PDB file of N, CA and C in Angstrom:
ATOM      1  N   MET A   1     -36.180  32.587  78.557  1.00  0.00           N
ATOM      2  CA  MET A   1     -35.587  31.668  79.105  1.00  0.00           C
ATOM      3  C   MET A   1     -36.664  31.455  80.239  1.00  0.00           C
ATOM      4  N   ARG A   2     -37.189  30.573  81.057  1.00  0.00           N
ATOM      5  CA  ARG A   2     -38.197  30.093  81.953  1.00  0.00           C
ATOM      6  C   ARG A   2     -37.375  30.614  83.530  1.00  0.00           C
ATOM      7  N   THR A   3     -38.124  31.014  83.993  1.00  0.00           N
ATOM      8  CA  THR A   3     -37.713  31.223  85.431  1.00  0.00           C
ATOM      9  C   THR A   3     -37.633  29.963  86.394  1.00  0.00           C
ATOM     10  N   LYS A   4     -37.427  30.203  87.686  1.00  0.00           N
ATOM     11  CA  LYS A   4     -36.828  28.851  88.172  1.00  0.00           C
ATOM     12  C   LYS A   4     -38.541  28.799  88.902  1.00  0.00           C
ATOM     13  N   ALA A   5     -39.228  29.994  88.935  1.00  0.00           N
ATOM     14  CA  ALA A   5     -40.324  29.621  89.712  1.00  0.00           C
ATOM     15  C   ALA A   5     -41.246  28.826  88.626  1.00  0.00           C
ATOM     16  N   GLN A   6     -41.147  29.420  87.247  1.00  0.00           N
ATOM     17  CA  GLN A   6     -42.010  28.881  86.290  1.00  0.00           C
ATOM     18  C   GLN A   6     -41.895  27.173  86.310  1.00  0.00           C
ATOM     19  N   ILE A   7     -40.896  26.665  86.208  1.00  0.00           N
ATOM     20  CA  ILE A   7     -40.307  25.236  86.276  1.00  0.00           C
ATOM     21  C   ILE A   7     -41.022  24.650  87.101  1.00  0.00           C
ATOM     22  N   LEU A   8     -40.750  25.031  88.712  1.00  0.00           N
ATOM     23  CA  LEU A   8     -41.513  24.408  89.853  1.00  0.00           C
ATOM     24  C   LEU A   8     -42.903  24.622  89.696  1.00  0.00           C
ATOM     25  N   GLN A   9     -43.316  25.475  89.511  1.00  0.00           N
ATOM     26  CA  GLN A   9     -44.882  25.362  88.924  1.00  0.00           C
ATOM     27  C   GLN A   9     -45.268  24.272  88.139  1.00  0.00           C
ATOM     28  N   GLU A  10     -44.726  24.170  87.029  1.00  0.00           N
ATOM     29  CA  GLU A  10     -44.854  23.109  85.638  1.00  0.00           C
ATOM     30  C   GLU A  10     -44.913  21.673  86.637  1.00  0.00           C
ATOM     31  N   SER A  11     -43.606  21.562  87.616  1.00  0.00           N
ATOM     32  CA  SER A  11     -43.307  20.444  87.641  1.00  0.00           C
ATOM     33  C   SER A  11     -44.445  19.981  88.412  1.00  0.00           C
ATOM     34  N   SER A  12     -44.821  21.021  89.482  1.00  0.00           N
ATOM     35  CA  SER A  12     -46.020  20.239  90.441  1.00  0.00           C
ATOM     36  C   SER A  12     -46.930  20.199  89.890  1.00  0.00           C
ATOM     37  N   LYS A  13     -47.440  20.658  88.803  1.00  0.00           N
ATOM     38  CA  LYS A  13     -48.777  20.365  87.895  1.00  0.00           C
ATOM     39  C   LYS A  13     -48.705  19.154  87.290  1.00  0.00           C
ATOM     40  N   ALA A  14     -47.141  18.573  86.461  1.00  0.00           N
ATOM     41  CA  ALA A  14     -47.049  17.329  85.919  1.00  0.00           C
ATOM     42  C   ALA A  14     -47.098  16.117  87.100  1.00  0.00           C
ATOM     43  N   VAL A  15     -46.280  16.546  88.116  1.00  0.00           N
ATOM     44  CA  VAL A  15     -46.715  15.293  88.963  1.00  0.00           C
ATOM     45  C   VAL A  15     -48.211  15.112  89.845  1.00  0.00           C
ATOM     46  N   VAL A  16     -48.852  16.065  89.910  1.00  0.00           N
ATOM     47  CA  VAL A  16     -50.311  15.800  90.203  1.00  0.00           C
ATOM     48  C   VAL A  16     -51.060  15.123  89.427  1.00  0.00           C
ATOM     49  N   GLU A  17     -50.920  15.459  87.879  1.00  0.00           N
ATOM     50  CA  GLU A  17     -51.357  14.699  87.233  1.00  0.00           C
ATOM     51  C   GLU A  17     -50.910  13.661  86.185  1.00  0.00           C
ATOM     52  N   ALA A  18     -49.638  13.107  86.657  1.00  0.00           N
ATOM     53  CA  ALA A  18     -49.275  11.974  86.451  1.00  0.00           C
ATOM     54  C   ALA A  18     -49.683  10.595  86.791  1.00  0.00           C
ATOM     55  N   PRO A  19     -49.722   9.468  86.790  1.00  0.00           N
ATOM     56  CA  PRO A  19     -50.013   8.275  87.311  1.00  0.00           C
ATOM     57  C   PRO A  19     -49.247   7.943  88.413  1.00  0.00           C
ATOM     58  N   LYS A  20     -49.716   7.399  89.339  1.00  0.00           N
ATOM     59  CA  LYS A  20     -49.072   7.458  90.701  1.00  0.00           C
ATOM     60  C   LYS A  20     -47.464   6.801  90.424  1.00  0.00           C
ATOM     61  N   GLU A  21     -47.407   5.641  89.611  1.00  0.00           N
ATOM     62  CA  GLU A  21     -45.838   4.827  89.304  1.00  0.00           C
ATOM     63  C   GLU A  21     -44.887   6.072  88.652  1.00  0.00           C
ATOM     64  N   ALA A  22     -45.473   7.091  87.651  1.00  0.00           N
ATOM     65  CA  ALA A  22     -44.628   7.591  87.295  1.00  0.00           C
ATOM     66  C   ALA A  22     -44.499   9.280  87.989  1.00  0.00           C
ATOM     67  N   GLN A  23     -45.018   9.355  89.418  1.00  0.00           N
ATOM     68  CA  GLN A  23     -45.007  10.789  90.110  1.00  0.00           C
ATOM     69  C   GLN A  23     -43.457  10.544  90.515  1.00  0.00           C
ATOM     70  N   GLN A  24     -42.960   9.623  90.937  1.00  0.00           N
ATOM     71  CA  GLN A  24     -41.491   9.726  91.578  1.00  0.00           C
ATOM     72  C   GLN A  24     -40.531  10.181  90.772  1.00  0.00           C
ATOM     73  N   MET A  25     -40.654   9.412  89.476  1.00  0.00           N
ATOM     74  CA  MET A  25     -39.532   9.727  88.367  1.00  0.00           C
ATOM     75  C   MET A  25     -39.973  10.953  88.125  1.00  0.00           C
ATOM     76  N   ILE A  26     -40.985  11.710  87.520  1.00  0.00           N
ATOM     77  CA  ILE A  26     -41.168  12.896  87.494  1.00  0.00           C
ATOM     78  C   ILE A  26     -40.472  14.113  88.322  1.00  0.00           C
ATOM     79  N   ALA A  27     -40.977  13.863  89.553  1.00  0.00           N
ATOM     80  CA  ALA A  27     -40.552  14.493  90.816  1.00  0.00           C
ATOM     81  C   ALA A  27     -38.882  14.568  91.023  1.00  0.00           C
ATOM     82  N   HIS A  28     -37.882  13.442  90.318  1.00  0.00           N
ATOM     83  CA  HIS A  28     -36.960  13.574  90.208  1.00  0.00           C
ATOM     84  C   HIS A  28     -36.189  14.217  89.370  1.00  0.00           C
ATOM     85  N   GLU A  29     -36.881  14.026  88.141  1.00  0.00           N
ATOM     86  CA  GLU A  29     -36.131  14.878  87.180  1.00  0.00           C
ATOM     87  C   GLU A  29     -36.174  16.240  87.022  1.00  0.00           C
ATOM     88  N   TYR A  30     -37.311  16.435  87.807  1.00  0.00           N
ATOM     89  CA  TYR A  30     -37.519  18.071  88.129  1.00  0.00           C
ATOM     90  C   TYR A  30     -36.589  18.803  88.831  1.00  0.00           C
ATOM     91  N   LEU A  31     -36.344  17.734  89.878  1.00  0.00           N
ATOM     92  CA  LEU A  31     -35.538  18.226  90.858  1.00  0.00           C
ATOM     93  C   LEU A  31     -33.731  18.173  90.187  1.00  0.00           C
ATOM     94  N   MET A  32     -33.853  17.460  89.538  1.00  0.00           N
ATOM     95  CA  MET A  32     -32.635  17.666  88.683  1.00  0.00           C
ATOM     96  C   MET A  32     -32.432  18.584  87.755  1.00  0.00           C
ATOM     97  N   LEU A  33     -33.611  18.981  87.244  1.00  0.00           N
ATOM     98  CA  LEU A  33     -33.721  20.556  86.212  1.00  0.00           C
ATOM     99  C   LEU A  33     -33.637  21.474  87.170  1.00  0.00           C
ATOM    100  N   GLU A  34     -33.892  21.572  88.330  1.00  0.00           N
ATOM    101  CA  GLU A  34     -33.981  22.430  89.401  1.00  0.00           C
ATOM    102  C   GLU A  34     -32.385  22.619  89.734  1.00  0.00           C
ATOM    103  N   VAL A  35     -31.644  21.856  89.562  1.00  0.00           N
ATOM    104  CA  VAL A  35     -30.262  21.927  90.033  1.00  0.00           C
ATOM    105  C   VAL A  35     -29.324  22.369  88.935  1.00  0.00           C
ATOM    106  N   PHE A  36     -29.716  21.830  87.570  1.00  0.00           N
ATOM    107  CA  PHE A  36     -29.159  22.883  86.579  1.00  0.00           C
ATOM    108  C   PHE A  36     -29.719  24.032  86.275  1.00  0.00           C
ATOM    109  N   ILE A  37     -30.604  24.278  86.527  1.00  0.00           N
ATOM    110  CA  ILE A  37     -31.187  25.491  86.478  1.00  0.00           C
ATOM    111  C   ILE A  37     -30.038  26.693  87.593  1.00  0.00           C
ATOM    112  N   ASP A  38     -30.244  26.225  88.916  1.00  0.00           N
ATOM    113  CA  ASP A  38     -29.178  26.980  89.649  1.00  0.00           C
ATOM    114  C   ASP A  38     -27.832  26.982  89.403  1.00  0.00           C
ATOM    115  N   ILE A  39     -27.106  26.245  88.584  1.00  0.00           N
ATOM    116  CA  ILE A  39     -25.756  26.150  87.851  1.00  0.00           C
ATOM    117  C   ILE A  39     -25.817  27.026  86.829  1.00  0.00           C
ATOM    118  N   ARG A  40     -27.013  26.838  85.951  1.00  0.00           N
ATOM    119  CA  ARG A  40     -27.165  28.284  84.771  1.00  0.00           C
ATOM    120  C   ARG A  40     -27.414  29.711  85.457  1.00  0.00           C
ATOM    121  N   ASP A  41     -28.074  29.683  86.476  1.00  0.00           N
ATOM    122  CA  ASP A  41     -27.900  30.878  87.010  1.00  0.00           C
ATOM    123  C   ASP A  41     -26.953  31.451  87.481  1.00  0.00           C
ATOM    124  N   THR A  42     -26.195  30.643  88.088  1.00  0.00           N
ATOM    125  CA  THR A  42     -24.760  30.909  88.705  1.00  0.00           C
ATOM    126  C   THR A  42     -23.649  31.218  87.628  1.00  0.00           C
ATOM    127  N   ILE A  43     -23.629  30.598  86.663  1.00  0.00           N
ATOM    128  CA  ILE A  43     -22.704  30.799  85.665  1.00  0.00           C
ATOM    129  C   ILE A  43     -23.112  32.193  85.183  1.00  0.00           C
ATOM    130  N   HIS A  44     -24.546  32.341  84.375  1.00  0.00           N
ATOM    131  CA  HIS A  44     -24.892  33.728  83.905  1.00  0.00           C
ATOM    132  C   HIS A  44     -24.451  34.852  84.825  1.00  0.00           C
ATOM    133  N   LYS A  45     -24.423  34.882  86.219  1.00  0.00           N
ATOM    134  CA  LYS A  45     -24.099  35.710  87.025  1.00  0.00           C
ATOM    135  C   LYS A  45     -22.913  35.778  87.057  1.00  0.00           C
ATOM    136  N   ALA A  46     -21.835  34.773  87.010  1.00  0.00           N
ATOM    137  CA  ALA A  46     -20.610  34.977  87.127  1.00  0.00           C
ATOM    138  C   ALA A  46     -19.894  35.772  85.783  1.00  0.00           C
ATOM    139  N   CYS A  47     -20.667  35.293  84.894  1.00  0.00           N
ATOM    140  CA  CYS A  47     -20.456  35.884  83.165  1.00  0.00           C
ATOM    141  C   CYS A  47     -20.320  37.562  83.484  1.00  0.00           C
ATOM    142  N   LYS A  48     -21.618  37.497  83.969  1.00  0.00           N
ATOM    143  CA  LYS A  48     -22.099  39.311  83.873  1.00  0.00           C
ATOM    144  C   LYS A  48     -20.881  39.957  84.893  1.00  0.00           C
ATOM    145  N   ASP A  49     -20.851  39.152  86.172  1.00  0.00           N
ATOM    146  CA  ASP A  49     -19.443  39.848  87.048  1.00  0.00           C
ATOM    147  C   ASP A  49     -18.290  40.075  86.376  1.00  0.00           C
ATOM    148  N   ILE A  50     -18.055  39.108  85.462  1.00  0.00           N
ATOM    149  CA  ILE A  50     -16.582  39.189  84.618  1.00  0.00           C
ATOM    150  C   ILE A  50     -16.716  40.310  83.576  1.00  0.00           C
ATOM    151  N   GLN A  51     -17.688  40.383  82.883  1.00  0.00           N
ATOM    152  CA  GLN A  51     -17.649  41.544  82.145  1.00  0.00           C
ATOM    153  C   GLN A  51     -17.850  42.560  82.688  1.00  0.00           C
ATOM    154  N   GLU A  52     -18.505  42.904  83.783  1.00  0.00           N
ATOM    155  CA  GLU A  52     -18.521  44.349  84.508  1.00  0.00           C
ATOM    156  C   GLU A  52     -17.344  44.622  85.147  1.00  0.00           C
ATOM    157  N   ALA A  53     -16.371  43.427  85.708  1.00  0.00           N
ATOM    158  CA  ALA A  53     -14.909  43.942  86.039  1.00  0.00           C
ATOM    159  C   ALA A  53     -13.979  43.985  84.853  1.00  0.00           C
ATOM    160  N   ILE A  54     -14.061  43.664  83.417  1.00  0.00           N
ATOM    161  CA  ILE A  54     -13.680  43.752  82.604  1.00  0.00           C
ATOM    162  C   ILE A  54     -13.778  45.348  82.118  1.00  0.00           C
ATOM    163  N   TRP A  55     -15.188  45.822  82.034  1.00  0.00           N
ATOM    164  CA  TRP A  55     -15.437  47.412  81.741  1.00  0.00           C
ATOM    165  C   TRP A  55     -14.600  48.110  82.784  1.00  0.00           C
ATOM    166  N   ASN A  56     -14.718  47.706  84.071  1.00  0.00           N
ATOM    167  CA  ASN A  56     -14.422  48.590  84.709  1.00  0.00           C
ATOM    168  C   ASN A  56     -12.598  48.666  85.021  1.00  0.00           C
ATOM    169  N   MET A  57     -12.057  47.832  84.147  1.00  0.00           N
ATOM    170  CA  MET A  57     -10.591  47.702  84.648  1.00  0.00           C
ATOM    171  C   MET A  57      -9.705  49.048  84.077  1.00  0.00           C
ATOM    172  N   PRO A  58      -9.030  49.762  84.813  1.00  0.00           N
ATOM    173  CA  PRO A  58      -8.372  50.802  84.015  1.00  0.00           C
ATOM    174  C   PRO A  58      -7.637  50.713  83.040  1.00  0.00           C
ATOM    175  N   ASP A  59      -7.668  51.707  82.315  1.00  0.00           N
ATOM    176  CA  ASP A  59      -7.142  51.889  81.100  1.00  0.00           C
ATOM    177  C   ASP A  59      -5.592  51.658  81.056  1.00  0.00           C
ATOM    178  N   LYS A  60      -4.830  50.865  80.342  1.00  0.00           N
ATOM    179  CA  LYS A  60      -3.131  50.881  80.588  1.00  0.00           C
ATOM    180  C   LYS A  60      -2.793  52.076  79.239  1.00  0.00           C
ATOM    181  N   ASP A  61      -1.806  53.126  80.133  1.00  0.00           N
ATOM    182  CA  ASP A  61      -1.330  54.033  79.051  1.00  0.00           C
ATOM    183  C   ASP A  61       0.149  53.896  78.515  1.00  0.00           C
TER     184      ASP A  61
END
């Protein structure tokens, strides 16, 4: 899984290398991708927190 920093670095390179008319579109697409990465990371953290909470639940006797 690529990190947010890797994707942002790739987006910067893509925007610089693109023709002028495509730069705005590419920048927007990578901004949306960044938002989805933030959502993915948030969901991933929440799942890990839930898993940890389940493991730390007291046993029912």
